[in-house]
C-alpha atoms as a PDB file:
ATOM      1  CA  MET A   1      25.331 -35.603  15.773  1.00  0.00           C
ATOM      2  CA  ARG A   2      21.945 -37.042  14.750  1.00  0.00           C
ATOM      3  CA  SER A   3      20.708 -33.480  14.145  1.00  0.00           C
ATOM      4  CA  ILE A   4      23.600 -32.740  11.760  1.00  0.00           C
ATOM      5  CA  ASN A   5      23.101 -36.033   9.935  1.00  0.00           C
ATOM      6  CA  LEU A   6      19.397 -35.266   9.467  1.00  0.00           C
ATOM      7  CA  ILE A   7      20.133 -31.910   7.806  1.00  0.00           C
ATOM      8  CA  HIS A   8      22.765 -33.484   5.535  1.00  0.00           C
ATOM      9  CA  GLN A   9      20.355 -36.247   4.561  1.00  0.00           C
ATOM     10  CA  ARG A  10      17.596 -33.770   3.758  1.00  0.00           C
ATOM     11  CA  ARG A  11      19.933 -31.697   1.586  1.00  0.00           C
ATOM     12  CA  ARG A  12      21.080 -34.765  -0.341  1.00  0.00           C
ATOM     13  CA  LEU A  13      17.538 -36.011  -0.890  1.00  0.00           C
ATOM     14  CA  ARG A  14      16.447 -32.550  -2.020  1.00  0.00           C
ATOM     15  CA  ARG A  15      19.251 -32.533  -4.623  1.00  0.00           C
ATOM     16  CA  VAL A  16      17.966 -35.885  -5.843  1.00  0.00           C
ATOM     17  CA  MET A  17      14.383 -34.618  -6.067  1.00  0.00           C
ATOM     18  CA  GLU A  18      15.489 -31.539  -8.012  1.00  0.00           C
ATOM     19  CA  HIS A  19      17.479 -33.811 -10.337  1.00  0.00           C
ATOM     20  CA  ILE A  20      14.483 -36.077 -10.888  1.00  0.00           C
ATOM     21  CA  GLY A  21      12.262 -33.114 -11.677  1.00  0.00           C
ATOM     22  CA  GLY A  22      14.787 -31.285 -13.826  1.00  0.00           C
ATOM     23  CA  HIS A  23      16.571 -34.081 -15.699  1.00  0.00           C
ATOM     24  CA  LEU A  24      15.712 -37.736 -15.150  1.00  0.00           C
ATOM     25  CA  ALA A  25      11.958 -37.146 -15.314  1.00  0.00           C
ATOM     26  CA  ASP A  26      12.358 -35.516 -18.725  1.00  0.00           C
ATOM     27  CA  HIS A  27      15.121 -37.586 -20.301  1.00  0.00           C
ATOM     28  CA  ALA A  28      15.616 -41.321 -19.962  1.00  0.00           C
ATOM     29  CA  LEU A  29      19.252 -42.396 -20.052  1.00  0.00           C
ATOM     30  CA  PRO A  30      19.576 -44.418 -23.296  1.00  0.00           C
ATOM     31  CA  GLY A  31      20.147 -48.087 -22.544  1.00  0.00           C
ATOM     32  CA  ALA A  32      20.748 -47.439 -18.854  1.00  0.00           C
ATOM     33  CA  GLY A  33      17.646 -49.140 -17.458  1.00  0.00           C
ATOM     34  CA  ASP A  34      16.548 -48.847 -13.852  1.00  0.00           C
ATOM     35  CA  ALA A  35      19.930 -49.951 -12.469  1.00  0.00           C
ATOM     36  CA  GLY A  36      21.807 -47.293 -14.444  1.00  0.00           C
ATOM     37  CA  GLN A  37      19.405 -44.542 -13.440  1.00  0.00           C
ATOM     38  CA  LEU A  38      19.591 -45.663  -9.809  1.00  0.00           C
ATOM     39  CA  ARG A  39      23.378 -45.292  -9.980  1.00  0.00           C
ATOM     40  CA  ALA A  40      22.970 -41.829 -11.512  1.00  0.00           C
ATOM     41  CA  LEU A  41      20.701 -40.715  -8.652  1.00  0.00           C
ATOM     42  CA  ALA A  42      23.064 -42.233  -6.079  1.00  0.00           C
ATOM     43  CA  ARG A  43      25.899 -40.122  -7.522  1.00  0.00           C
ATOM     44  CA  VAL A  44      23.768 -36.988  -7.098  1.00  0.00           C
ATOM     45  CA  ALA A  45      23.241 -37.935  -3.445  1.00  0.00           C
ATOM     46  CA  CYS A  46      26.958 -38.850  -3.030  1.00  0.00           C
ATOM     47  CA  TRP A  47      26.002 -42.273  -1.647  1.00  0.00           C
ATOM     48  CA  SER A  48      26.574 -45.786  -2.851  1.00  0.00           C
ATOM     49  CA  PRO A  49      23.614 -47.179  -4.855  1.00  0.00           C
ATOM     50  CA  GLU A  50      22.797 -49.667  -2.085  1.00  0.00           C
ATOM     51  CA  HIS A  51      22.850 -47.066   0.708  1.00  0.00           C
ATOM     52  CA  PHE A  52      20.952 -44.532  -1.406  1.00  0.00           C
ATOM     53  CA  ASP A  53      18.224 -47.034  -2.274  1.00  0.00           C
ATOM     54  CA  ARG A  54      17.885 -48.038   1.395  1.00  0.00           C
ATOM     55  CA  VAL A  55      17.689 -44.443   2.697  1.00  0.00           C
ATOM     56  CA  TYR A  56      15.318 -43.369  -0.073  1.00  0.00           C
ATOM     57  CA  ARG A  57      12.859 -46.209   0.507  1.00  0.00           C
ATOM     58  CA  ARG A  58      12.931 -45.710   4.292  1.00  0.00           C
ATOM     59  CA  THR A  59      12.439 -41.925   4.064  1.00  0.00           C
ATOM     60  CA  ILE A  60      10.202 -41.462   1.007  1.00  0.00           C
ATOM     61  CA  GLY A  61       8.269 -44.723   1.307  1.00  0.00           C
ATOM     62  CA  GLU A  62       8.840 -45.981  -2.251  1.00  0.00           C
ATOM     63  CA  SER A  63      11.718 -46.870  -4.558  1.00  0.00           C
ATOM     64  CA  PRO A  64      13.504 -44.091  -6.489  1.00  0.00           C
ATOM     65  CA  MET A  65      12.382 -45.478  -9.839  1.00  0.00           C
ATOM     66  CA  VAL A  66       8.722 -45.455  -8.784  1.00  0.00           C
ATOM     67  CA  THR A  67       9.120 -41.721  -8.150  1.00  0.00           C
ATOM     68  CA  VAL A  68      10.903 -41.198 -11.483  1.00  0.00           C
ATOM     69  CA  ARG A  69       8.215 -43.015 -13.481  1.00  0.00           C
ATOM     70  CA  ARG A  70       5.379 -41.160 -11.730  1.00  0.00           C
ATOM     71  CA  VAL A  71       6.980 -37.733 -12.271  1.00  0.00           C
ATOM     72  CA  ARG A  72       7.687 -38.598 -15.916  1.00  0.00           C
ATOM     73  CA  LEU A  73       4.014 -39.373 -16.452  1.00  0.00           C
ATOM     74  CA  THR A  74       3.021 -36.142 -14.692  1.00  0.00           C
ATOM     75  CA  MET A  75       5.311 -34.231 -17.065  1.00  0.00           C
ATOM     76  CA  ALA A  76       3.974 -36.261 -19.980  1.00  0.00           C
ATOM     77  CA  ALA A  77       0.452 -35.060 -19.203  1.00  0.00           C
ATOM     78  CA  ALA A  78       1.675 -31.444 -19.200  1.00  0.00           C
ATOM     79  CA  ALA A  79       3.438 -32.012 -22.554  1.00  0.00           C
ATOM     80  CA  LEU A  80       0.255 -33.432 -24.092  1.00  0.00           C
ATOM     81  CA  ARG A  81      -1.649 -30.333 -22.974  1.00  0.00           C
ATOM     82  CA  ARG A  82       0.992 -28.185 -24.693  1.00  0.00           C
ATOM     83  CA  GLY A  83       0.322 -30.012 -27.963  1.00  0.00           C
ATOM     84  CA  VAL A  84       3.400 -32.265 -28.124  1.00  0.00           C
ATOM     85  CA  ARG A  85       2.799 -35.306 -30.321  1.00  0.00           C
ATOM     86  CA  LEU A  86       1.931 -38.543 -28.540  1.00  0.00           C
ATOM     87  CA  ILE A  87       4.810 -40.471 -30.115  1.00  0.00           C
ATOM     88  CA  ASP A  88       7.294 -37.787 -28.994  1.00  0.00           C
ATOM     89  CA  VAL A  89       5.903 -37.707 -25.455  1.00  0.00           C
ATOM     90  CA  ALA A  90       6.150 -41.505 -25.229  1.00  0.00           C
ATOM     91  CA  GLU A  91       9.791 -41.426 -26.361  1.00  0.00           C
ATOM     92  CA  GLN A  92      10.727 -38.583 -24.005  1.00  0.00           C
ATOM     93  CA  SER A  93       9.096 -40.492 -21.140  1.00  0.00           C
ATOM     94  CA  GLY A  94      11.350 -43.500 -21.748  1.00  0.00           C
ATOM     95  CA  TYR A  95       8.807 -45.882 -23.292  1.00  0.00           C
ATOM     96  CA  GLY A  96       9.597 -47.971 -26.351  1.00  0.00           C
ATOM     97  CA  SER A  97       6.131 -47.640 -27.886  1.00  0.00           C
ATOM     98  CA  THR A  98       2.994 -45.547 -27.636  1.00  0.00           C
ATOM     99  CA  GLN A  99       1.133 -48.676 -26.494  1.00  0.00           C
ATOM    100  CA  ALA A 100       3.413 -49.216 -23.491  1.00  0.00           C
ATOM    101  CA  PHE A 101       3.244 -45.503 -22.702  1.00  0.00           C
ATOM    102  CA  GLY A 102      -0.561 -45.541 -22.975  1.00  0.00           C
ATOM    103  CA  ARG A 103      -0.886 -48.431 -20.521  1.00  0.00           C
ATOM    104  CA  ALA A 104       1.387 -46.723 -17.973  1.00  0.00           C
ATOM    105  CA  PHE A 105      -0.389 -43.378 -18.481  1.00  0.00           C
ATOM    106  CA  ALA A 106      -3.801 -44.956 -17.908  1.00  0.00           C
ATOM    107  CA  ARG A 107      -2.649 -46.626 -14.678  1.00  0.00           C
ATOM    108  CA  GLN A 108      -1.608 -43.248 -13.257  1.00  0.00           C
ATOM    109  CA  HIS A 109      -4.181 -40.862 -14.719  1.00  0.00           C
ATOM    110  CA  GLY A 110      -7.174 -43.166 -15.071  1.00  0.00           C
ATOM    111  CA  PHE A 111      -7.625 -42.651 -18.833  1.00  0.00           C
ATOM    112  CA  SER A 112      -5.710 -43.297 -22.022  1.00  0.00           C
ATOM    113  CA  PRO A 113      -3.644 -40.279 -23.176  1.00  0.00           C
ATOM    114  CA  LEU A 114      -6.158 -39.225 -25.847  1.00  0.00           C
ATOM    115  CA  ASP A 115      -9.197 -39.677 -23.580  1.00  0.00           C
ATOM    116  CA  TRP A 116      -7.421 -37.746 -20.829  1.00  0.00           C
ATOM    117  CA  LEU A 117      -6.543 -34.963 -23.280  1.00  0.00           C
ATOM    118  CA  ARG A 118     -10.152 -34.630 -24.485  1.00  0.00           C
ATOM    119  CA  ARG A 119     -11.272 -34.091 -20.903  1.00  0.00           C
ATOM    120  CA  GLN A 120      -8.703 -31.322 -20.475  1.00  0.00           C
ATOM    121  CA  THR A 121     -10.281 -29.306 -23.283  1.00  0.00           C
ATOM    122  CA  LEU A 122     -13.572 -29.012 -21.413  1.00  0.00           C
ATOM    123  CA  PRO A 123     -14.321 -25.583 -19.876  1.00  0.00           C
ATOM    124  CA  GLU A 124     -12.571 -25.016 -16.553  1.00  0.00           C
ATOM    125  CA  THR A 125     -15.090 -25.219 -13.721  1.00  0.00           C
ATOM    126  CA  ALA A 126     -12.879 -25.245 -10.625  1.00  0.00           C
ATOM    127  CA  PRO A 127     -13.065 -21.988  -8.624  1.00  0.00           C
ATOM    128  CA  LEU A 128      -9.942 -19.860  -8.221  1.00  0.00           C
ATOM    129  CA  TRP A 129     -10.331 -19.847  -4.446  1.00  0.00           C
ATOM    130  CA  ARG A 130     -12.166 -21.568  -1.622  1.00  0.00           C
ATOM    131  CA  LEU A 131     -13.546 -20.004   1.552  1.00  0.00           C
ATOM    132  CA  VAL A 132     -12.124 -21.340   4.840  1.00  0.00           C
ATOM    133  CA  HIS A 133     -13.007 -20.273   8.391  1.00  0.00           C
ATOM    134  CA  LEU A 134     -10.678 -20.454  11.397  1.00  0.00           C
ATOM    135  CA  PRO A 135     -13.009 -19.973  14.396  1.00  0.00           C
ATOM    136  CA  THR A 136     -10.316 -19.311  17.021  1.00  0.00           C
ATOM    137  CA  ALA A 137      -6.732 -18.091  16.937  1.00  0.00           C
ATOM    138  CA  GLN A 138      -4.216 -20.931  16.866  1.00  0.00           C
ATOM    139  CA  PRO A 139      -1.007 -20.833  18.972  1.00  0.00           C
ATOM    140  CA  CYS A 140       2.095 -21.865  17.027  1.00  0.00           C
ATOM    141  CA  TYR A 141       5.861 -22.065  17.266  1.00  0.00           C
ATOM    142  CA  GLY A 142       7.939 -20.350  14.616  1.00  0.00           C
ATOM    143  CA  LEU A 143      11.354 -19.350  13.255  1.00  0.00           C
ATOM    144  CA  PRO A 144      11.950 -15.979  11.489  1.00  0.00           C
ATOM    145  CA  TYR A 145      13.187 -15.791   7.893  1.00  0.00           C
ATOM    146  CA  ARG A 146      13.650 -13.086   5.272  1.00  0.00           C
ATOM    147  CA  GLY A 147      13.857 -14.072   1.630  1.00  0.00           C
ATOM    148  CA  ALA A 148      11.711 -15.473  -1.160  1.00  0.00           C
ATOM    149  CA  ALA A 149       8.230 -16.776  -0.376  1.00  0.00           C
ATOM    150  CA  SER A 150       9.232 -20.029  -2.041  1.00  0.00           C
ATOM    151  CA  GLY A 151      12.681 -21.535  -1.845  1.00  0.00           C
ATOM    152  CA  VAL A 152      12.758 -21.534   1.969  1.00  0.00           C
ATOM    153  CA  GLU A 153      14.326 -24.987   2.041  1.00  0.00           C
ATOM    154  CA  GLY A 154      17.003 -23.987   4.555  1.00  0.00           C
ATOM    155  CA  LEU A 155      14.439 -22.634   6.990  1.00  0.00           C
ATOM    156  CA  PHE A 156      12.267 -25.696   6.387  1.00  0.00           C
ATOM    157  CA  ASP A 157      15.253 -27.886   7.273  1.00  0.00           C
ATOM    158  CA  ALA A 158      15.854 -25.943  10.487  1.00  0.00           C
ATOM    159  CA  THR A 159      12.181 -26.259  11.430  1.00  0.00           C
ATOM    160  CA  VAL A 160      12.153 -30.003  10.819  1.00  0.00           C
ATOM    161  CA  ASP A 161      15.410 -30.353  12.767  1.00  0.00           C
ATOM    162  CA  ALA A 162      13.919 -28.510  15.759  1.00  0.00           C
ATOM    163  CA  LEU A 163      10.885 -30.779  15.675  1.00  0.00           C
ATOM    164  CA  TYR A 164      12.975 -33.935  15.486  1.00  0.00           C
ATOM    165  CA  ARG A 165      15.027 -32.792  18.473  1.00  0.00           C
ATOM    166  CA  THR A 166      11.771 -32.115  20.318  1.00  0.00           C
ATOM    167  CA  GLY A 167      10.677 -35.711  19.824  1.00  0.00           C
ATOM    168  CA  SER A 168       7.361 -34.986  18.071  1.00  0.00           C
ATOM    169  CA  ALA A 169       6.159 -37.517  15.511  1.00  0.00           C
ATOM    170  CA  ARG A 170       6.236 -36.300  11.881  1.00  0.00           C
ATOM    171  CA  ALA A 171       2.496 -36.849  11.529  1.00  0.00           C
ATOM    172  CA  GLN A 172       1.932 -34.129  14.153  1.00  0.00           C
ATOM    173  CA  TRP A 173       3.605 -31.355  12.158  1.00  0.00           C
ATOM    174  CA  HIS A 174       1.829 -28.810   9.980  1.00  0.00           C
ATOM    175  CA  VAL A 175       4.522 -26.553   8.545  1.00  0.00           C
ATOM    176  CA  PHE A 176       3.529 -23.208   7.022  1.00  0.00           C
ATOM    177  CA  GLY A 177       4.789 -19.648   6.578  1.00  0.00           C
ATOM    178  CA  LEU A 178       3.269 -16.373   7.776  1.00  0.00           C
ATOM    179  CA  LEU A 179       3.914 -13.907   4.927  1.00  0.00           C
ATOM    180  CA  ASP A 180       3.940 -10.194   4.226  1.00  0.00           C
ATOM    181  CA  ALA A 181       0.536  -9.210   2.873  1.00  0.00           C
ATOM    182  CA  GLU A 182       2.022  -7.168   0.004  1.00  0.00           C
ATOM    183  CA  SER A 183       4.344  -9.933  -1.228  1.00  0.00           C
ATOM    184  CA  ALA A 184       2.184 -13.030  -0.772  1.00  0.00           C
ATOM    185  CA  LEU A 185       0.993 -13.151  -4.385  1.00  0.00           C
ATOM    186  CA  LEU A 186       4.197 -12.055  -6.092  1.00  0.00           C
ATOM    187  CA  PRO A 187       5.883 -14.579  -8.395  1.00  0.00           C
ATOM    188  CA  ALA A 188       8.620 -16.498  -6.624  1.00  0.00           C
ATOM    189  CA  ALA A 189      11.322 -14.768  -8.674  1.00  0.00           C
ATOM    190  CA  ALA A 190      10.069 -11.325  -7.605  1.00  0.00           C
ATOM    191  CA  ALA A 191       9.359 -12.113  -3.939  1.00  0.00           C
ATOM    192  CA  THR A 192      12.985 -11.661  -2.873  1.00  0.00           C
ATOM    193  CA  ALA A 193      12.268  -9.512   0.176  1.00  0.00           C
ATOM    194  CA  CYS A 194       9.362 -11.418   1.677  1.00  0.00           C
ATOM    195  CA  ARG A 195       9.373 -11.827   5.459  1.00  0.00           C
ATOM    196  CA  VAL A 196       8.295 -15.326   6.478  1.00  0.00           C
ATOM    197  CA  THR A 197       7.832 -17.077   9.781  1.00  0.00           C
ATOM    198  CA  ALA A 198       8.062 -20.835   9.321  1.00  0.00           C
ATOM    199  CA  ALA A 199       5.707 -22.147  11.971  1.00  0.00           C
ATOM    200  CA  VAL A 200       4.062 -25.327  13.215  1.00  0.00           C
ATOM    201  CA  LEU A 201       0.801 -25.673  15.088  1.00  0.00           C
ATOM    202  CA  ALA A 202       1.457 -25.820  18.812  1.00  0.00           C
ATOM    203  CA  GLN A 203      -1.507 -27.942  19.831  1.00  0.00           C
ATOM    204  CA  PRO A 204      -0.451 -31.383  18.490  1.00  0.00           C
ATOM    205  CA  LEU A 205       3.207 -31.170  19.571  1.00  0.00           C
ATOM    206  CA  ALA A 206       4.449 -33.232  22.491  1.00  0.00           C
ATOM    207  CA  ARG A 207       6.590 -30.347  23.846  1.00  0.00           C
ATOM    208  CA  ALA A 208       7.831 -26.913  22.824  1.00  0.00           C
ATOM    209  CA  PRO A 209      10.481 -27.097  20.044  1.00  0.00           C
ATOM    210  CA  ARG A 210      13.880 -25.774  21.040  1.00  0.00           C
ATOM    211  CA  GLY A 211      14.837 -22.407  19.574  1.00  0.00           C
ATOM    212  CA  MET A 212      11.337 -21.565  18.324  1.00  0.00           C
ATOM    213  CA  ASP A 213       9.213 -18.649  19.559  1.00  0.00           C
ATOM    214  CA  ARG A 214       5.477 -18.567  20.168  1.00  0.00           C
ATOM    215  CA  VAL A 215       3.410 -16.985  17.388  1.00  0.00           C
ATOM    216  CA  LEU A 216      -0.330 -16.738  16.815  1.00  0.00           C
ATOM    217  CA  LEU A 217      -2.314 -17.645  13.713  1.00  0.00           C
ATOM    218  CA  SER A 218      -5.213 -15.170  13.575  1.00  0.00           C
ATOM    219  CA  ALA A 219      -8.815 -16.324  13.619  1.00  0.00           C
ATOM    220  CA  GLY A 220     -11.145 -15.309  10.801  1.00  0.00           C
ATOM    221  CA  TRP A 221     -12.044 -15.981   7.184  1.00  0.00           C
ATOM    222  CA  TYR A 222      -9.456 -16.999   4.609  1.00  0.00           C
ATOM    223  CA  GLY A 223      -9.495 -17.599   0.876  1.00  0.00           C
ATOM    224  CA  ARG A 224      -7.495 -20.721  -0.044  1.00  0.00           C
ATOM    225  CA  VAL A 225      -5.523 -20.378  -3.288  1.00  0.00           C
ATOM    226  CA  ASP A 226      -3.085 -22.700  -5.047  1.00  0.00           C
ATOM    227  CA  ALA A 227       0.248 -21.085  -4.112  1.00  0.00           C
ATOM    228  CA  LEU A 228       2.129 -22.535  -7.085  1.00  0.00           C
ATOM    229  CA  HIS A 229      -0.475 -21.919  -9.812  1.00  0.00           C
ATOM    230  CA  HIS A 230      -2.520 -18.891  -8.771  1.00  0.00           C
ATOM    231  CA  PRO A 231      -3.489 -16.410 -11.537  1.00  0.00           C
ATOM    232  CA  GLY A 232      -2.225 -13.246  -9.778  1.00  0.00           C
ATOM    233  CA  PHE A 233      -3.625 -10.193  -7.985  1.00  0.00           C
ATOM    234  CA  ARG A 234      -6.119  -8.840 -10.489  1.00  0.00           C
ATOM    235  CA  GLN A 235      -7.947 -12.040 -11.375  1.00  0.00           C
ATOM    236  CA  LEU A 236      -8.143 -13.174  -7.745  1.00  0.00           C
ATOM    237  CA  ASP A 237      -9.407  -9.813  -6.527  1.00  0.00           C
ATOM    238  CA  ASP A 238     -12.044  -9.782  -9.279  1.00  0.00           C
ATOM    239  CA  ALA A 239     -13.202 -13.289  -8.292  1.00  0.00           C
ATOM    240  CA  LEU A 240     -13.338 -12.300  -4.607  1.00  0.00           C
ATOM    241  CA  ARG A 241     -15.267  -9.130  -5.401  1.00  0.00           C
ATOM    242  CA  GLU A 242     -17.849 -11.055  -7.418  1.00  0.00           C
ATOM    243  CA  SER A 243     -18.422 -13.279  -4.362  1.00  0.00           C
ATOM    244  CA  GLY A 244     -18.740 -10.355  -1.939  1.00  0.00           C
ATOM    245  CA  TRP A 245     -15.283 -10.633  -0.350  1.00  0.00           C
ATOM    246  CA  GLN A 246     -12.081  -8.643  -0.281  1.00  0.00           C
ATOM    247  CA  ARG A 247      -8.524  -9.223   0.948  1.00  0.00           C
ATOM    248  CA  THR A 248      -7.454  -7.523   4.168  1.00  0.00           C
ATOM    249  CA  ASP A 249      -3.979  -6.372   5.261  1.00  0.00           C
ATOM    250  CA  GLY A 250      -3.653  -9.368   7.616  1.00  0.00           C
ATOM    251  CA  ALA A 251      -0.759 -11.816   7.288  1.00  0.00           C
ATOM    252  CA  PRO A 252      -1.380 -14.461   4.610  1.00  0.00           C
ATOM    253  CA  VAL A 253      -0.418 -18.052   5.370  1.00  0.00           C
ATOM    254  CA  ARG A 254       1.506 -20.326   2.996  1.00  0.00           C
ATOM    255  CA  TYR A 255       0.895 -23.961   3.905  1.00  0.00           C
ATOM    256  CA  TYR A 256       3.419 -26.564   2.766  1.00  0.00           C
ATOM    257  CA  GLU A 257       1.367 -29.713   2.176  1.00  0.00           C
ATOM    258  CA  THR A 258       4.455 -31.500   0.858  1.00  0.00           C
ATOM    259  CA  ASP A 259       8.026 -31.521   2.144  1.00  0.00           C
ATOM    260  CA  PRO A 260      10.390 -29.972  -0.471  1.00  0.00           C
ATOM    261  CA  ALA A 261      13.154 -32.404   0.539  1.00  0.00           C
ATOM    262  CA  HIS A 262      10.910 -35.406  -0.122  1.00  0.00           C
ATOM    263  CA  THR A 263       8.986 -34.296  -3.228  1.00  0.00           C
ATOM    264  CA  ALA A 264       9.935 -33.578  -6.845  1.00  0.00           C
ATOM    265  CA  PRO A 265       9.028 -30.017  -7.941  1.00  0.00           C
ATOM    266  CA  GLN A 266       6.238 -31.261 -10.248  1.00  0.00           C
ATOM    267  CA  GLU A 267       4.463 -32.916  -7.303  1.00  0.00           C
ATOM    268  CA  ARG A 268       4.800 -30.198  -4.656  1.00  0.00           C
ATOM    269  CA  ARG A 269       1.573 -28.798  -3.212  1.00  0.00           C
ATOM    270  CA  GLU A 270       1.413 -25.494  -1.392  1.00  0.00           C
ATOM    271  CA  TRP A 271      -1.559 -23.317  -0.508  1.00  0.00           C
ATOM    272  CA  LEU A 272      -1.989 -19.625   0.204  1.00  0.00           C
ATOM    273  CA  TYR A 273      -4.591 -18.674   2.815  1.00  0.00           C
ATOM    274  CA  LEU A 274      -5.481 -14.996   2.242  1.00  0.00           C
ATOM    275  CA  PRO A 275      -7.240 -13.155   5.106  1.00  0.00           C
ATOM    276  CA  LEU A 276     -10.659 -11.946   3.909  1.00  0.00           C
ATOM    277  CA  ALA A 277     -13.450  -9.657   5.017  1.00  0.00           C
ATOM    278  CA  PRO A 278     -16.994  -9.446   3.573  1.00  0.00           C
ATOM    279  CA  ARG A 279     -17.498  -6.395   1.363  1.00  0.00           C
ATOM    280  CA  HIS A 280     -21.116  -5.942   2.521  1.00  0.00           C
ATOM    281  CA  ARG A 281     -23.113  -7.443   5.388  1.00  0.00           C
ATOM    282  CA  LYS A 282     -26.851  -7.697   4.776  1.00  0.00           C
ATOM    283  CA  SER A 283     -27.823  -8.773   8.265  1.00  0.00           C
ATOM    284  CA  GLY A 284     -25.478 -10.228  10.827  1.00  0.00           C
ATOM    285  CA  SER A 285     -23.417 -13.011   9.273  1.00  0.00           C
ATOM    286  CA  GLU A 286     -25.907 -13.791   6.519  1.00  0.00           C
ATOM    287  CA  SER A 287     -23.535 -12.944   3.676  1.00  0.00           C
ATOM    288  CA  ILE A 288     -20.773 -15.033   5.280  1.00  0.00           C
ATOM    289  CA  ALA A 289     -23.062 -18.036   5.652  1.00  0.00           C
ATOM    290  CA  GLN A 290     -24.166 -17.713   2.027  1.00  0.00           C
ATOM    291  CA  ALA A 291     -20.596 -17.464   0.767  1.00  0.00           C
ATOM    292  CA  SER A 292     -19.412 -20.425   2.819  1.00  0.00           C
ATOM    293  CA  GLY A 293     -22.175 -22.602   1.473  1.00  0.00           C
END
C-alpha cells in the first residue's frame, strides 16, 4: 500500500511541477495572492490546500510559493536575454513595479537585472564538454525501458519505488540511464525509439533492489555534456576533435541530477556522459593526461 501511495504522490507532485513551469511561473493570477495560487496548485494535485502544502514542504523542502517565485525569476532572466522589456518582464513575473522586481531578481541572481544582462553579453567562455575518467567499471542495478531519452518519468517512478521498498536512503541513490549510442544526442522529440536502462549505483545501496537486474557501467573516459542544452552532433564532434578526442560506440550515460517529480522543468539538470577515445597517442597516456588537465 505504501508503494502505491508513493507512486500516486510522485505523479501528483510532477503535475504540480509541470503546472508551475508551464503556467504559474509565467502568469501571476490577478489579485489571487499567495493563498489563491496555493489553492490553484492544490487543485492540480487533487488535494486540499492544507494537505498539499504539508506534503509539498515535507517532500520538496520548501513552500510551494518559494518554488513559484524562484522559477518565475529564472524565466524572467531568460526573457531579459530574449530582449523583452524590463517593465514587461516585471509585470509577467507578478511584481507591481520594476523596483520590487529588481530587488527580488538581485537576491536570486546576485545582480540587478540590467547588470546581470550586461554580463550575459560577454563572449561565452564555458567549454561545450568536460573530460571525466571512470577508473574502474561500476556495478549497478537497472530496469529496462524503450522510449524517449527524456520523458522517462514512469520508469523513474518505478526505480524510486524499488529503492524505497529496498530501504535505501534517498541520499544513496544516483539515478541515470544507459542509452543507445546513436540516439543519445537526438532532440527529445526525435528520440522516440531510444533504449534506456534506468540504473542506480550498486555500491552505496543497503541491499539489492527488488525487481532490478545487475548491469555494469563501463570504465574509461567520458565527455560530460549538458543533456538539456547541448549544441548537437556536429558542434560537439568538432570540439572533441580539436581537443584530440572522439566519441566511441559505447553506451552513453544520462545522469539525472534532479528528480523530475520534485523539480520544475526550468530547474532540471541532466548530464550526458559520452564514451571517448583519444584520436592520437603520442607516448603512453601523455595525450590523456594533457587533455584531463
